[in-house]
Amino acid sequence: MKLFAPILCSFLLIGCSDSKPTEAPVTSETTAPIEVNQTASIETNASVSTPPVTATPSTPVAVETAAIDASALFAQKCVSCHGAKAEKAALNKSQIIANFNEAQVKEALKGYQNGTYGKEMKALMQGQAKGLNDAQIDALAKYISTL
């Protein structure tokens, strides 16, 4: 019992301690630079030699119009003001977009994005159109022109 009590106390003191065990210091003999790209390098504790990793620029991926669910995008962005069939004048101030052809919808959305299109609803529509990419605009234009 005399031997057991000091061991138990040691475990209790270790378990109650707020301090964390310290790690062994890293020395220059144990670090090796790894080349990430041309402007930066990262050091690691690698004890084996590692081949350099070079970052490559990402190539843009084209988004196809067919892959975009235009009806869902229309429901998310447009229905609340323009109606399910684009039959409403948004907030009784805009044109009815159900009468727009594909080119008119594209012109309007791109104009809202760059601030060259619109009247009373310009600021509101600019916020709606800003987040759209070209593929989404094409898909919306095609969809709205069929309503």
C-alpha atoms as a PDB file:
ATOM      1  CA  MET A   1       0.000   0.000   0.000  1.00  0.00           C
ATOM      2  CA  LYS A   2       2.910   2.335   0.722  1.00  0.00           C
ATOM      3  CA  LEU A   3       4.167   1.944  -2.872  1.00  0.00           C
ATOM      4  CA  PHE A   4       0.730   2.379  -4.430  1.00  0.00           C
ATOM      5  CA  ALA A   5      -0.101   5.760  -2.800  1.00  0.00           C
ATOM      6  CA  PRO A   6       2.801   7.771  -4.360  1.00  0.00           C
ATOM      7  CA  ILE A   7       2.045   6.353  -7.805  1.00  0.00           C
ATOM      8  CA  LEU A   8      -1.643   7.216  -7.475  1.00  0.00           C
ATOM      9  CA  CYS A   9      -0.794  10.759  -6.333  1.00  0.00           C
ATOM     10  CA  SER A  10       1.543  11.182  -9.313  1.00  0.00           C
ATOM     11  CA  PHE A  11      -1.211  10.229 -11.733  1.00  0.00           C
ATOM     12  CA  LEU A  12      -3.678  12.551 -10.057  1.00  0.00           C
ATOM     13  CA  LEU A  13      -1.233  15.472 -10.168  1.00  0.00           C
ATOM     14  CA  ILE A  14      -0.428  14.854 -13.830  1.00  0.00           C
ATOM     15  CA  GLY A  15      -4.113  14.609 -14.707  1.00  0.00           C
ATOM     16  CA  CYS A  16      -4.954  17.860 -12.895  1.00  0.00           C
ATOM     17  CA  SER A  17      -2.108  19.834 -14.346  1.00  0.00           C
ATOM     18  CA  ASP A  18      -3.005  22.639 -16.792  1.00  0.00           C
ATOM     19  CA  SER A  19       0.367  22.584 -18.435  1.00  0.00           C
ATOM     20  CA  LYS A  20       1.020  20.551 -21.518  1.00  0.00           C
ATOM     21  CA  PRO A  21       4.175  18.548 -22.053  1.00  0.00           C
ATOM     22  CA  THR A  22       6.787  20.442 -23.974  1.00  0.00           C
ATOM     23  CA  GLU A  23       8.083  19.213 -27.279  1.00  0.00           C
ATOM     24  CA  ALA A  24      11.737  18.749 -28.034  1.00  0.00           C
ATOM     25  CA  PRO A  25      13.246  21.847 -29.636  1.00  0.00           C
ATOM     26  CA  VAL A  26      13.753  21.782 -33.377  1.00  0.00           C
ATOM     27  CA  THR A  27      17.339  22.282 -34.430  1.00  0.00           C
ATOM     28  CA  SER A  28      18.729  23.277 -37.785  1.00  0.00           C
ATOM     29  CA  GLU A  29      20.061  19.745 -38.257  1.00  0.00           C
ATOM     30  CA  THR A  30      16.529  18.343 -38.281  1.00  0.00           C
ATOM     31  CA  THR A  31      14.858  20.857 -40.584  1.00  0.00           C
ATOM     32  CA  ALA A  32      14.910  20.869 -44.358  1.00  0.00           C
ATOM     33  CA  PRO A  33      13.264  23.385 -46.681  1.00  0.00           C
ATOM     34  CA  ILE A  34      10.616  22.154 -49.083  1.00  0.00           C
ATOM     35  CA  GLU A  35      10.064  24.203 -52.212  1.00  0.00           C
ATOM     36  CA  VAL A  36       6.371  25.066 -52.625  1.00  0.00           C
ATOM     37  CA  ASN A  37       6.581  27.589 -55.412  1.00  0.00           C
ATOM     38  CA  GLN A  38       8.978  30.152 -56.751  1.00  0.00           C
ATOM     39  CA  THR A  39       8.330  32.732 -54.059  1.00  0.00           C
ATOM     40  CA  ALA A  40       7.895  30.770 -50.835  1.00  0.00           C
ATOM     41  CA  SER A  41       9.358  27.816 -48.998  1.00  0.00           C
ATOM     42  CA  ILE A  42       8.143  25.889 -45.978  1.00  0.00           C
ATOM     43  CA  GLU A  43      10.328  24.191 -43.405  1.00  0.00           C
ATOM     44  CA  THR A  44       9.445  20.832 -41.948  1.00  0.00           C
ATOM     45  CA  ASN A  45      10.855  18.264 -39.542  1.00  0.00           C
ATOM     46  CA  ALA A  46      11.380  15.756 -42.341  1.00  0.00           C
ATOM     47  CA  SER A  47      14.263  13.432 -41.634  1.00  0.00           C
ATOM     48  CA  VAL A  48      14.130  11.988 -45.138  1.00  0.00           C
ATOM     49  CA  SER A  49      14.685  14.006 -48.243  1.00  0.00           C
ATOM     50  CA  THR A  50      11.498  15.000 -49.982  1.00  0.00           C
ATOM     51  CA  PRO A  51      11.292  15.992 -53.639  1.00  0.00           C
ATOM     52  CA  PRO A  52      10.248  19.611 -54.225  1.00  0.00           C
ATOM     53  CA  VAL A  53       6.556  20.246 -54.763  1.00  0.00           C
ATOM     54  CA  THR A  54       5.878  22.871 -57.364  1.00  0.00           C
ATOM     55  CA  ALA A  55       2.480  24.550 -57.585  1.00  0.00           C
ATOM     56  CA  THR A  56       0.939  24.706 -61.021  1.00  0.00           C
ATOM     57  CA  PRO A  57      -1.548  27.368 -62.067  1.00  0.00           C
ATOM     58  CA  SER A  58      -5.089  26.126 -62.243  1.00  0.00           C
ATOM     59  CA  THR A  59      -6.818  26.199 -65.580  1.00  0.00           C
ATOM     60  CA  PRO A  60     -10.277  27.716 -65.678  1.00  0.00           C
ATOM     61  CA  VAL A  61     -13.076  25.245 -66.150  1.00  0.00           C
ATOM     62  CA  ALA A  62     -15.827  26.231 -68.543  1.00  0.00           C
ATOM     63  CA  VAL A  63     -19.317  25.983 -67.088  1.00  0.00           C
ATOM     64  CA  GLU A  64     -21.801  24.708 -69.600  1.00  0.00           C
ATOM     65  CA  THR A  65     -25.210  26.341 -69.816  1.00  0.00           C
ATOM     66  CA  ALA A  66     -26.857  22.920 -70.014  1.00  0.00           C
ATOM     67  CA  ALA A  67     -25.436  21.999 -66.593  1.00  0.00           C
ATOM     68  CA  ILE A  68     -27.217  24.917 -64.921  1.00  0.00           C
ATOM     69  CA  ASP A  69     -30.758  24.374 -63.677  1.00  0.00           C
ATOM     70  CA  ALA A  70     -32.221  27.622 -64.980  1.00  0.00           C
ATOM     71  CA  SER A  71     -35.663  26.997 -63.511  1.00  0.00           C
ATOM     72  CA  ALA A  72     -34.164  26.571 -60.026  1.00  0.00           C
ATOM     73  CA  LEU A  73     -32.010  29.685 -60.502  1.00  0.00           C
ATOM     74  CA  PHE A  74     -35.084  31.617 -61.678  1.00  0.00           C
ATOM     75  CA  ALA A  75     -37.043  30.374 -58.653  1.00  0.00           C
ATOM     76  CA  GLN A  76     -34.220  31.444 -56.329  1.00  0.00           C
ATOM     77  CA  LYS A  77     -33.438  34.841 -57.837  1.00  0.00           C
ATOM     78  CA  CYS A  78     -36.491  36.090 -59.751  1.00  0.00           C
ATOM     79  CA  VAL A  79     -39.825  34.542 -58.755  1.00  0.00           C
ATOM     80  CA  SER A  80     -40.401  36.567 -55.587  1.00  0.00           C
ATOM     81  CA  CYS A  81     -40.620  39.831 -57.549  1.00  0.00           C
ATOM     82  CA  HIS A  82     -41.348  38.808 -61.164  1.00  0.00           C
ATOM     83  CA  GLY A  83     -43.774  35.920 -60.521  1.00  0.00           C
ATOM     84  CA  ALA A  84     -43.594  32.219 -61.369  1.00  0.00           C
ATOM     85  CA  LYS A  85     -44.103  32.872 -65.087  1.00  0.00           C
ATOM     86  CA  ALA A  86     -42.314  36.253 -65.136  1.00  0.00           C
ATOM     87  CA  GLU A  87     -45.743  37.801 -65.571  1.00  0.00           C
ATOM     88  CA  LYS A  88     -45.476  40.540 -62.921  1.00  0.00           C
ATOM     89  CA  ALA A  89     -44.026  44.025 -62.978  1.00  0.00           C
ATOM     90  CA  ALA A  90     -41.602  43.688 -60.059  1.00  0.00           C
ATOM     91  CA  LEU A  91     -42.897  45.792 -57.169  1.00  0.00           C
ATOM     92  CA  ASN A  92     -45.209  47.408 -59.745  1.00  0.00           C
ATOM     93  CA  LYS A  93     -42.238  49.381 -61.094  1.00  0.00           C
ATOM     94  CA  SER A  94     -40.471  47.226 -63.682  1.00  0.00           C
ATOM     95  CA  GLN A  95     -41.258  45.886 -67.119  1.00  0.00           C
ATOM     96  CA  ILE A  96     -42.845  42.458 -67.424  1.00  0.00           C
ATOM     97  CA  ILE A  97     -39.906  40.270 -68.391  1.00  0.00           C
ATOM     98  CA  ALA A  98     -42.036  37.431 -69.774  1.00  0.00           C
ATOM     99  CA  ASN A  99     -42.208  39.524 -72.966  1.00  0.00           C
ATOM    100  CA  PHE A 100     -38.387  39.709 -73.265  1.00  0.00           C
ATOM    101  CA  ASN A 101     -36.492  37.662 -75.818  1.00  0.00           C
ATOM    102  CA  GLU A 102     -33.179  35.992 -74.963  1.00  0.00           C
ATOM    103  CA  ALA A 103     -31.044  38.931 -76.152  1.00  0.00           C
ATOM    104  CA  GLN A 104     -33.087  41.436 -74.110  1.00  0.00           C
ATOM    105  CA  VAL A 105     -32.700  39.405 -70.921  1.00  0.00           C
ATOM    106  CA  LYS A 106     -28.923  39.113 -71.440  1.00  0.00           C
ATOM    107  CA  GLU A 107     -28.641  42.836 -72.168  1.00  0.00           C
ATOM    108  CA  ALA A 108     -30.636  43.719 -69.068  1.00  0.00           C
ATOM    109  CA  LEU A 109     -28.743  41.417 -66.698  1.00  0.00           C
ATOM    110  CA  LYS A 110     -25.315  42.435 -67.979  1.00  0.00           C
ATOM    111  CA  GLY A 111     -26.400  46.081 -67.860  1.00  0.00           C
ATOM    112  CA  TYR A 112     -27.526  45.689 -64.260  1.00  0.00           C
ATOM    113  CA  GLN A 113     -24.157  44.108 -63.427  1.00  0.00           C
ATOM    114  CA  ASN A 114     -22.132  47.001 -64.808  1.00  0.00           C
ATOM    115  CA  GLY A 115     -24.605  49.712 -63.800  1.00  0.00           C
ATOM    116  CA  THR A 116     -25.627  50.833 -67.308  1.00  0.00           C
ATOM    117  CA  TYR A 117     -29.197  49.506 -67.309  1.00  0.00           C
ATOM    118  CA  GLY A 118     -32.292  50.199 -65.276  1.00  0.00           C
ATOM    119  CA  LYS A 119     -34.355  52.937 -63.742  1.00  0.00           C
ATOM    120  CA  GLU A 120     -36.107  52.764 -60.379  1.00  0.00           C
ATOM    121  CA  MET A 121     -35.106  49.141 -59.740  1.00  0.00           C
ATOM    122  CA  LYS A 122     -31.487  49.576 -60.808  1.00  0.00           C
ATOM    123  CA  ALA A 123     -29.892  49.300 -57.350  1.00  0.00           C
ATOM    124  CA  LEU A 124     -31.985  46.309 -56.319  1.00  0.00           C
ATOM    125  CA  MET A 125     -31.387  44.479 -59.579  1.00  0.00           C
ATOM    126  CA  GLN A 126     -27.682  45.259 -59.540  1.00  0.00           C
ATOM    127  CA  GLY A 127     -27.433  43.329 -56.278  1.00  0.00           C
ATOM    128  CA  GLN A 128     -29.332  40.400 -57.791  1.00  0.00           C
ATOM    129  CA  ALA A 129     -27.291  40.316 -61.002  1.00  0.00           C
ATOM    130  CA  LYS A 130     -23.811  40.887 -59.531  1.00  0.00           C
ATOM    131  CA  GLY A 131     -23.366  37.268 -58.450  1.00  0.00           C
ATOM    132  CA  LEU A 132     -24.348  35.766 -61.793  1.00  0.00           C
ATOM    133  CA  ASN A 133     -21.680  34.434 -64.141  1.00  0.00           C
ATOM    134  CA  ASP A 134     -22.000  34.412 -67.941  1.00  0.00           C
ATOM    135  CA  ALA A 135     -23.248  30.819 -68.063  1.00  0.00           C
ATOM    136  CA  GLN A 136     -25.978  31.583 -65.509  1.00  0.00           C
ATOM    137  CA  ILE A 137     -27.023  34.691 -67.453  1.00  0.00           C
ATOM    138  CA  ASP A 138     -27.208  32.658 -70.668  1.00  0.00           C
ATOM    139  CA  ALA A 139     -29.279  29.965 -68.947  1.00  0.00           C
ATOM    140  CA  LEU A 140     -31.653  32.518 -67.383  1.00  0.00           C
ATOM    141  CA  ALA A 141     -32.037  34.368 -70.682  1.00  0.00           C
ATOM    142  CA  LYS A 142     -32.927  31.182 -72.515  1.00  0.00           C
ATOM    143  CA  TYR A 143     -35.347  30.115 -69.768  1.00  0.00           C
ATOM    144  CA  ILE A 144     -37.106  33.476 -69.353  1.00  0.00           C
ATOM    145  CA  SER A 145     -37.560  33.875 -73.102  1.00  0.00           C
ATOM    146  CA  THR A 146     -39.606  30.642 -73.140  1.00  0.00           C
ATOM    147  CA  LEU A 147     -42.044  31.702 -70.388  1.00  0.00           C
END
